[in-house]
Amino acid sequence: MNIAIIPARGGSKRIPRKNIKLFCGQPMLAYPIQAALNSGVVDKVVVSTDDPEIAAIARHYGAETPFIRKAELADDFTGTTDVIRNAIMQLQQLGWPLSACACVYATAPLLHSELIALAYQTLLSSKADYVFTAARFSFPIQRALVKTAQGGVLPFDNESISKRSQDLTETFHDAGQLYWAMASTWLNTTKVVFGPDSRMEVLPDYLVQDIDTIDDWQRAELLYQMLQARTP
């Protein structure tokens, strides 16, 4: 059985109730649930939450909530991998025969079903530990600047600051949307998401948007509306 696990805790400091706040007419959480269910490669969607209201909304949109996340796994310091690992162990204890498991972020309204399926096929064909979504840095990170304690400016990397952009190594960042791996890989603490045995699905910039502030939220809504307008 392939599943998608969506971590969606109740506490959100910068945007209160972010995971269920209305985004273009639906709770934010509805979008990744629907994308996973429509992907054709996910049998069930599980939402890991400590919040009864989030759990109810998740079930309304087709996800399952077979357990409530413990409080110690719903604070500001618990990593996503720990949450996914705990969810897998709980589901296995319930008798679920798990194969591949995707971690899908609750705040990923731009993620679409076809990408979930594509990343899953990459996982199978590459035999990678993890396959995750990523995006290119739009500006060479090697030419970054830092501010000194005295208010001055220094190159982050003296050797790279004068090089042409095309001569610098292309760099990428995590898109914060989707991570596929086999259940056994998630449970193996020696395996890491960002390692030599992982692969990236590189996305165009217009499909990537962090949502940490109200400005981020409004920008994501504009991107979503633009994408919907382009869909026949």
C-alpha atoms as a PDB file:
ATOM      1  CA  MET A   1       0.000   0.000   0.000  1.00  0.00           C
ATOM      2  CA  ASN A   2       1.309   3.447  -0.954  1.00  0.00           C
ATOM      3  CA  ILE A   3       0.301   6.297   1.310  1.00  0.00           C
ATOM      4  CA  ALA A   4       0.777  10.036   1.613  1.00  0.00           C
ATOM      5  CA  ILE A   5       1.302  11.415   5.101  1.00  0.00           C
ATOM      6  CA  ILE A   6       0.518  15.092   5.641  1.00  0.00           C
ATOM      7  CA  PRO A   7       1.882  16.614   8.868  1.00  0.00           C
ATOM      8  CA  ALA A   8      -0.573  19.304  10.016  1.00  0.00           C
ATOM      9  CA  ARG A   9      -0.227  20.424  13.609  1.00  0.00           C
ATOM     10  CA  GLY A  10      -2.550  22.958  15.171  1.00  0.00           C
ATOM     11  CA  GLY A  11       0.020  25.455  16.396  1.00  0.00           C
ATOM     12  CA  SER A  12       1.132  28.073  13.877  1.00  0.00           C
ATOM     13  CA  LYS A  13       2.679  31.267  15.182  1.00  0.00           C
ATOM     14  CA  ARG A  14       3.117  33.566  12.182  1.00  0.00           C
ATOM     15  CA  ILE A  15      -0.152  32.683  10.397  1.00  0.00           C
ATOM     16  CA  PRO A  16      -2.634  31.381  12.987  1.00  0.00           C
ATOM     17  CA  ARG A  17      -4.451  28.170  11.965  1.00  0.00           C
ATOM     18  CA  LYS A  18      -2.489  28.239   8.722  1.00  0.00           C
ATOM     19  CA  ASN A  19      -3.188  24.638   7.777  1.00  0.00           C
ATOM     20  CA  ILE A  20      -6.961  25.170   7.639  1.00  0.00           C
ATOM     21  CA  LYS A  21      -7.141  28.880   6.785  1.00  0.00           C
ATOM     22  CA  LEU A  22      -9.180  29.468   3.631  1.00  0.00           C
ATOM     23  CA  PHE A  23      -6.973  29.650   0.547  1.00  0.00           C
ATOM     24  CA  CYS A  24      -8.802  30.599  -2.661  1.00  0.00           C
ATOM     25  CA  GLY A  25     -12.046  29.290  -1.200  1.00  0.00           C
ATOM     26  CA  GLN A  26     -10.909  26.032   0.425  1.00  0.00           C
ATOM     27  CA  PRO A  27      -8.986  25.163   3.584  1.00  0.00           C
ATOM     28  CA  MET A  28      -5.276  25.063   2.764  1.00  0.00           C
ATOM     29  CA  LEU A  29      -5.123  21.397   3.788  1.00  0.00           C
ATOM     30  CA  ALA A  30      -7.665  20.414   1.127  1.00  0.00           C
ATOM     31  CA  TYR A  31      -5.246  21.038  -1.744  1.00  0.00           C
ATOM     32  CA  PRO A  32      -2.489  18.526  -0.910  1.00  0.00           C
ATOM     33  CA  ILE A  33      -5.110  15.948   0.130  1.00  0.00           C
ATOM     34  CA  GLN A  34      -6.855  16.237  -3.235  1.00  0.00           C
ATOM     35  CA  ALA A  35      -3.575  16.245  -5.171  1.00  0.00           C
ATOM     36  CA  ALA A  36      -2.431  13.037  -3.482  1.00  0.00           C
ATOM     37  CA  LEU A  37      -5.781  11.266  -3.874  1.00  0.00           C
ATOM     38  CA  ASN A  38      -5.914  12.174  -7.574  1.00  0.00           C
ATOM     39  CA  SER A  39      -2.322  11.147  -8.312  1.00  0.00           C
ATOM     40  CA  GLY A  40      -3.127   7.533  -9.161  1.00  0.00           C
ATOM     41  CA  VAL A  41      -0.163   6.285  -7.117  1.00  0.00           C
ATOM     42  CA  VAL A  42      -1.446   6.904  -3.575  1.00  0.00           C
ATOM     43  CA  ASP A  43      -3.892   4.457  -2.009  1.00  0.00           C
ATOM     44  CA  LYS A  44      -4.631   6.436   1.148  1.00  0.00           C
ATOM     45  CA  VAL A  45      -3.877   9.867   2.574  1.00  0.00           C
ATOM     46  CA  VAL A  46      -3.200  10.129   6.291  1.00  0.00           C
ATOM     47  CA  VAL A  47      -3.094  13.435   8.142  1.00  0.00           C
ATOM     48  CA  SER A  48      -0.909  13.473  11.252  1.00  0.00           C
ATOM     49  CA  THR A  49      -2.308  16.132  13.566  1.00  0.00           C
ATOM     50  CA  ASP A  50      -2.753  16.950  17.230  1.00  0.00           C
ATOM     51  CA  ASP A  51      -5.820  19.086  16.499  1.00  0.00           C
ATOM     52  CA  PRO A  52      -9.413  17.718  16.379  1.00  0.00           C
ATOM     53  CA  GLU A  53     -10.651  20.470  14.049  1.00  0.00           C
ATOM     54  CA  ILE A  54      -7.856  19.809  11.566  1.00  0.00           C
ATOM     55  CA  ALA A  55      -8.608  16.081  11.783  1.00  0.00           C
ATOM     56  CA  ALA A  56     -12.293  16.679  11.003  1.00  0.00           C
ATOM     57  CA  ILE A  57     -11.494  18.874   7.998  1.00  0.00           C
ATOM     58  CA  ALA A  58      -8.968  16.312   6.763  1.00  0.00           C
ATOM     59  CA  ARG A  59     -11.585  13.560   6.859  1.00  0.00           C
ATOM     60  CA  HIS A  60     -14.099  15.795   5.076  1.00  0.00           C
ATOM     61  CA  TYR A  61     -11.727  16.067   2.110  1.00  0.00           C
ATOM     62  CA  GLY A  62     -11.006  12.347   1.949  1.00  0.00           C
ATOM     63  CA  ALA A  63      -8.017  11.823   4.225  1.00  0.00           C
ATOM     64  CA  GLU A  64      -7.871   9.441   7.165  1.00  0.00           C
ATOM     65  CA  THR A  65      -6.850  10.234  10.740  1.00  0.00           C
ATOM     66  CA  PRO A  66      -6.338   6.847  12.416  1.00  0.00           C
ATOM     67  CA  PHE A  67      -4.411   8.397  15.307  1.00  0.00           C
ATOM     68  CA  ILE A  68      -3.918  11.747  17.030  1.00  0.00           C
ATOM     69  CA  ARG A  69      -0.345  12.976  17.149  1.00  0.00           C
ATOM     70  CA  LYS A  70       1.199  13.182  20.602  1.00  0.00           C
ATOM     71  CA  ALA A  71       1.848  16.657  22.002  1.00  0.00           C
ATOM     72  CA  GLU A  72       5.597  16.069  22.201  1.00  0.00           C
ATOM     73  CA  LEU A  73       5.633  15.583  18.428  1.00  0.00           C
ATOM     74  CA  ALA A  74       3.643  18.764  17.743  1.00  0.00           C
ATOM     75  CA  ASP A  75       5.937  21.466  19.128  1.00  0.00           C
ATOM     76  CA  ASP A  76       8.130  23.987  17.315  1.00  0.00           C
ATOM     77  CA  PHE A  77      11.245  21.836  17.584  1.00  0.00           C
ATOM     78  CA  THR A  78      10.208  18.415  16.270  1.00  0.00           C
ATOM     79  CA  GLY A  79      11.521  17.659  12.787  1.00  0.00           C
ATOM     80  CA  THR A  80       9.324  16.439   9.966  1.00  0.00           C
ATOM     81  CA  THR A  81      11.233  13.168   9.620  1.00  0.00           C
ATOM     82  CA  ASP A  82      10.451  12.282  13.235  1.00  0.00           C
ATOM     83  CA  VAL A  83       6.753  12.954  12.617  1.00  0.00           C
ATOM     84  CA  ILE A  84       6.694  10.777   9.493  1.00  0.00           C
ATOM     85  CA  ARG A  85       8.635   8.002  11.198  1.00  0.00           C
ATOM     86  CA  ASN A  86       6.206   8.022  14.127  1.00  0.00           C
ATOM     87  CA  ALA A  87       3.199   7.944  11.781  1.00  0.00           C
ATOM     88  CA  ILE A  88       4.594   4.965   9.877  1.00  0.00           C
ATOM     89  CA  MET A  89       5.236   3.040  13.087  1.00  0.00           C
ATOM     90  CA  GLN A  90       1.704   3.734  14.329  1.00  0.00           C
ATOM     91  CA  LEU A  91       0.170   2.644  11.028  1.00  0.00           C
ATOM     92  CA  GLN A  92       2.226  -0.540  11.000  1.00  0.00           C
ATOM     93  CA  GLN A  93       1.026  -1.290  14.529  1.00  0.00           C
ATOM     94  CA  LEU A  94      -2.516  -0.952  13.173  1.00  0.00           C
ATOM     95  CA  GLY A  95      -1.703  -3.569  10.548  1.00  0.00           C
ATOM     96  CA  TRP A  96      -1.294  -1.335   7.505  1.00  0.00           C
ATOM     97  CA  PRO A  97       0.968  -3.061   4.894  1.00  0.00           C
ATOM     98  CA  LEU A  98       3.024  -0.040   3.876  1.00  0.00           C
ATOM     99  CA  SER A  99       5.182   0.137   0.774  1.00  0.00           C
ATOM    100  CA  ALA A 100       6.107   3.625  -0.426  1.00  0.00           C
ATOM    101  CA  CYS A 101       5.277   6.657   1.712  1.00  0.00           C
ATOM    102  CA  ALA A 102       5.163  10.270   0.585  1.00  0.00           C
ATOM    103  CA  CYS A 103       5.473  13.144   3.001  1.00  0.00           C
ATOM    104  CA  VAL A 104       3.361  15.973   1.587  1.00  0.00           C
ATOM    105  CA  TYR A 105       3.383  19.348   3.296  1.00  0.00           C
ATOM    106  CA  ALA A 106       0.036  20.788   4.354  1.00  0.00           C
ATOM    107  CA  THR A 107       0.971  24.174   2.897  1.00  0.00           C
ATOM    108  CA  ALA A 108       1.614  22.984  -0.663  1.00  0.00           C
ATOM    109  CA  PRO A 109      -1.359  24.287  -2.692  1.00  0.00           C
ATOM    110  CA  LEU A 110       0.741  24.518  -5.870  1.00  0.00           C
ATOM    111  CA  LEU A 111       1.630  20.815  -5.802  1.00  0.00           C
ATOM    112  CA  HIS A 112      -0.243  18.889  -8.492  1.00  0.00           C
ATOM    113  CA  SER A 113      -1.155  15.249  -8.912  1.00  0.00           C
ATOM    114  CA  GLU A 114       1.032  14.649 -11.946  1.00  0.00           C
ATOM    115  CA  LEU A 115       4.147  15.690 -10.047  1.00  0.00           C
ATOM    116  CA  ILE A 116       3.353  13.314  -7.192  1.00  0.00           C
ATOM    117  CA  ALA A 117       3.078  10.476  -9.718  1.00  0.00           C
ATOM    118  CA  LEU A 118       6.249  11.545 -11.551  1.00  0.00           C
ATOM    119  CA  ALA A 119       8.286  11.644  -8.343  1.00  0.00           C
ATOM    120  CA  TYR A 120       6.996   8.199  -7.393  1.00  0.00           C
ATOM    121  CA  GLN A 121       8.067   6.775 -10.758  1.00  0.00           C
ATOM    122  CA  THR A 122      11.498   8.355 -10.252  1.00  0.00           C
ATOM    123  CA  LEU A 123      11.727   6.648  -6.863  1.00  0.00           C
ATOM    124  CA  LEU A 124      11.040   3.280  -8.486  1.00  0.00           C
ATOM    125  CA  SER A 125      13.241   3.703 -11.556  1.00  0.00           C
ATOM    126  CA  SER A 126      16.235   5.261  -9.788  1.00  0.00           C
ATOM    127  CA  LYS A 127      16.061   3.084  -6.664  1.00  0.00           C
ATOM    128  CA  ALA A 128      16.964   6.248  -4.756  1.00  0.00           C
ATOM    129  CA  ASP A 129      16.547   6.503  -1.010  1.00  0.00           C
ATOM    130  CA  TYR A 130      14.443   9.652  -1.338  1.00  0.00           C
ATOM    131  CA  VAL A 131      12.952  11.696  -4.161  1.00  0.00           C
ATOM    132  CA  PHE A 132      11.922  15.243  -3.299  1.00  0.00           C
ATOM    133  CA  THR A 133      10.889  18.468  -5.002  1.00  0.00           C
ATOM    134  CA  ALA A 134      13.461  21.225  -5.375  1.00  0.00           C
ATOM    135  CA  ALA A 135      13.997  24.542  -7.143  1.00  0.00           C
ATOM    136  CA  ARG A 136      17.007  26.371  -8.544  1.00  0.00           C
ATOM    137  CA  PHE A 137      18.440  29.362  -6.735  1.00  0.00           C
ATOM    138  CA  SER A 138      17.757  32.312  -9.029  1.00  0.00           C
ATOM    139  CA  PHE A 139      21.031  34.024  -8.036  1.00  0.00           C
ATOM    140  CA  PRO A 140      24.410  32.313  -7.458  1.00  0.00           C
ATOM    141  CA  ILE A 141      24.687  31.678  -3.725  1.00  0.00           C
ATOM    142  CA  GLN A 142      28.490  31.733  -4.037  1.00  0.00           C
ATOM    143  CA  ARG A 143      28.285  35.485  -4.689  1.00  0.00           C
ATOM    144  CA  ALA A 144      26.382  36.243  -1.494  1.00  0.00           C
ATOM    145  CA  LEU A 145      27.418  39.130   0.749  1.00  0.00           C
ATOM    146  CA  VAL A 146      27.563  39.287   4.533  1.00  0.00           C
ATOM    147  CA  LYS A 147      27.300  42.255   6.854  1.00  0.00           C
ATOM    148  CA  THR A 148      30.059  42.653   9.427  1.00  0.00           C
ATOM    149  CA  ALA A 149      29.521  43.564  13.072  1.00  0.00           C
ATOM    150  CA  GLN A 150      30.785  47.052  12.227  1.00  0.00           C
ATOM    151  CA  GLY A 151      28.222  47.494   9.458  1.00  0.00           C
ATOM    152  CA  GLY A 152      30.588  46.847   6.580  1.00  0.00           C
ATOM    153  CA  VAL A 153      30.207  44.341   3.775  1.00  0.00           C
ATOM    154  CA  LEU A 154      32.271  41.267   2.876  1.00  0.00           C
ATOM    155  CA  PRO A 155      31.917  38.594   0.198  1.00  0.00           C
ATOM    156  CA  PHE A 156      30.690  35.300   1.600  1.00  0.00           C
ATOM    157  CA  ASP A 157      33.196  33.568  -0.692  1.00  0.00           C
ATOM    158  CA  ASN A 158      36.159  35.680  -1.836  1.00  0.00           C
ATOM    159  CA  GLU A 159      37.110  33.204  -4.541  1.00  0.00           C
ATOM    160  CA  SER A 160      33.697  33.186  -6.215  1.00  0.00           C
ATOM    161  CA  ILE A 161      32.674  36.835  -5.964  1.00  0.00           C
ATOM    162  CA  SER A 162      34.489  37.843  -9.154  1.00  0.00           C
ATOM    163  CA  LYS A 163      33.620  34.766 -11.218  1.00  0.00           C
ATOM    164  CA  ARG A 164      31.036  34.768 -13.987  1.00  0.00           C
ATOM    165  CA  SER A 165      27.690  33.263 -13.030  1.00  0.00           C
ATOM    166  CA  GLN A 166      27.991  30.605 -15.724  1.00  0.00           C
ATOM    167  CA  ASP A 167      31.284  29.424 -14.217  1.00  0.00           C
ATOM    168  CA  LEU A 168      29.761  28.725 -10.805  1.00  0.00           C
ATOM    169  CA  THR A 169      28.173  25.430  -9.765  1.00  0.00           C
ATOM    170  CA  GLU A 170      24.396  25.451 -10.146  1.00  0.00           C
ATOM    171  CA  THR A 171      22.673  25.211  -6.766  1.00  0.00           C
ATOM    172  CA  PHE A 172      19.222  24.144  -5.628  1.00  0.00           C
ATOM    173  CA  HIS A 173      17.014  24.382  -2.560  1.00  0.00           C
ATOM    174  CA  ASP A 174      14.304  22.204  -1.064  1.00  0.00           C
ATOM    175  CA  ALA A 175      10.880  23.235  -2.376  1.00  0.00           C
ATOM    176  CA  GLY A 176       9.147  22.185   0.847  1.00  0.00           C
ATOM    177  CA  GLN A 177       6.371  20.192  -0.830  1.00  0.00           C
ATOM    178  CA  LEU A 178       6.933  16.481  -1.417  1.00  0.00           C
ATOM    179  CA  TYR A 179       9.273  13.700  -0.271  1.00  0.00           C
ATOM    180  CA  TRP A 180       8.920  10.075  -1.435  1.00  0.00           C
ATOM    181  CA  ALA A 181      10.666   7.069   0.110  1.00  0.00           C
ATOM    182  CA  MET A 182       9.922   3.475   0.956  1.00  0.00           C
ATOM    183  CA  ALA A 183       8.545   2.977   4.465  1.00  0.00           C
ATOM    184  CA  SER A 184      11.684   1.049   5.407  1.00  0.00           C
ATOM    185  CA  THR A 185      13.834   4.007   4.351  1.00  0.00           C
ATOM    186  CA  TRP A 186      11.893   6.447   6.516  1.00  0.00           C
ATOM    187  CA  LEU A 187      12.419   4.114   9.479  1.00  0.00           C
ATOM    188  CA  ASN A 188      16.150   3.740   8.826  1.00  0.00           C
ATOM    189  CA  THR A 189      17.838   6.476  10.869  1.00  0.00           C
ATOM    190  CA  THR A 190      21.075   6.126   8.873  1.00  0.00           C
ATOM    191  CA  LYS A 191      19.324   7.337   5.697  1.00  0.00           C
ATOM    192  CA  VAL A 192      19.069  11.076   5.058  1.00  0.00           C
ATOM    193  CA  VAL A 193      16.755  12.998   2.747  1.00  0.00           C
ATOM    194  CA  PHE A 194      19.459  15.287   1.376  1.00  0.00           C
ATOM    195  CA  GLY A 195      22.193  12.811   0.550  1.00  0.00           C
ATOM    196  CA  PRO A 196      24.077  11.240  -2.367  1.00  0.00           C
ATOM    197  CA  ASP A 197      21.479   8.502  -2.754  1.00  0.00           C
ATOM    198  CA  SER A 198      18.566  10.925  -3.157  1.00  0.00           C
ATOM    199  CA  ARG A 199      17.148  12.487  -6.315  1.00  0.00           C
ATOM    200  CA  MET A 200      15.429  15.810  -7.039  1.00  0.00           C
ATOM    201  CA  GLU A 201      12.431  16.706  -9.151  1.00  0.00           C
ATOM    202  CA  VAL A 202      13.355  20.268 -10.095  1.00  0.00           C
ATOM    203  CA  LEU A 203      10.372  22.610 -10.375  1.00  0.00           C
ATOM    204  CA  PRO A 204       9.961  25.940 -12.158  1.00  0.00           C
ATOM    205  CA  ASP A 205       9.869  28.955  -9.856  1.00  0.00           C
ATOM    206  CA  TYR A 206       6.155  29.546 -10.408  1.00  0.00           C
ATOM    207  CA  LEU A 207       5.334  26.224  -8.718  1.00  0.00           C
ATOM    208  CA  VAL A 208       7.324  26.997  -5.567  1.00  0.00           C
ATOM    209  CA  GLN A 209       6.293  29.336  -2.764  1.00  0.00           C
ATOM    210  CA  ASP A 210       7.137  29.243   0.935  1.00  0.00           C
ATOM    211  CA  ILE A 211       4.148  30.305   3.024  1.00  0.00           C
ATOM    212  CA  ASP A 212       5.419  31.738   6.290  1.00  0.00           C
ATOM    213  CA  THR A 213       4.000  35.279   6.220  1.00  0.00           C
ATOM    214  CA  ILE A 214       0.830  37.002   5.009  1.00  0.00           C
ATOM    215  CA  ASP A 215       2.808  38.374   2.049  1.00  0.00           C
ATOM    216  CA  ASP A 216       3.821  34.806   1.171  1.00  0.00           C
ATOM    217  CA  TRP A 217       0.192  33.732   1.446  1.00  0.00           C
ATOM    218  CA  GLN A 218      -1.060  36.452  -0.882  1.00  0.00           C
ATOM    219  CA  ARG A 219       1.680  35.709  -3.409  1.00  0.00           C
ATOM    220  CA  ALA A 220       0.789  32.009  -3.341  1.00  0.00           C
ATOM    221  CA  GLU A 221      -2.881  32.812  -3.970  1.00  0.00           C
ATOM    222  CA  LEU A 222      -1.928  34.911  -6.993  1.00  0.00           C
ATOM    223  CA  LEU A 223       0.248  32.094  -8.341  1.00  0.00           C
ATOM    224  CA  TYR A 224      -2.540  29.569  -7.786  1.00  0.00           C
ATOM    225  CA  GLN A 225      -5.108  31.776  -9.543  1.00  0.00           C
ATOM    226  CA  MET A 226      -2.725  32.275 -12.464  1.00  0.00           C
ATOM    227  CA  LEU A 227      -2.186  28.528 -12.799  1.00  0.00           C
ATOM    228  CA  GLN A 228      -5.929  27.867 -12.633  1.00  0.00           C
ATOM    229  CA  ALA A 229      -6.564  30.437 -15.354  1.00  0.00           C
ATOM    230  CA  ARG A 230      -4.072  28.642 -17.617  1.00  0.00           C
ATOM    231  CA  THR A 231      -5.684  25.235 -17.079  1.00  0.00           C
ATOM    232  CA  PRO A 232      -8.039  24.342 -19.992  1.00  0.00           C
END
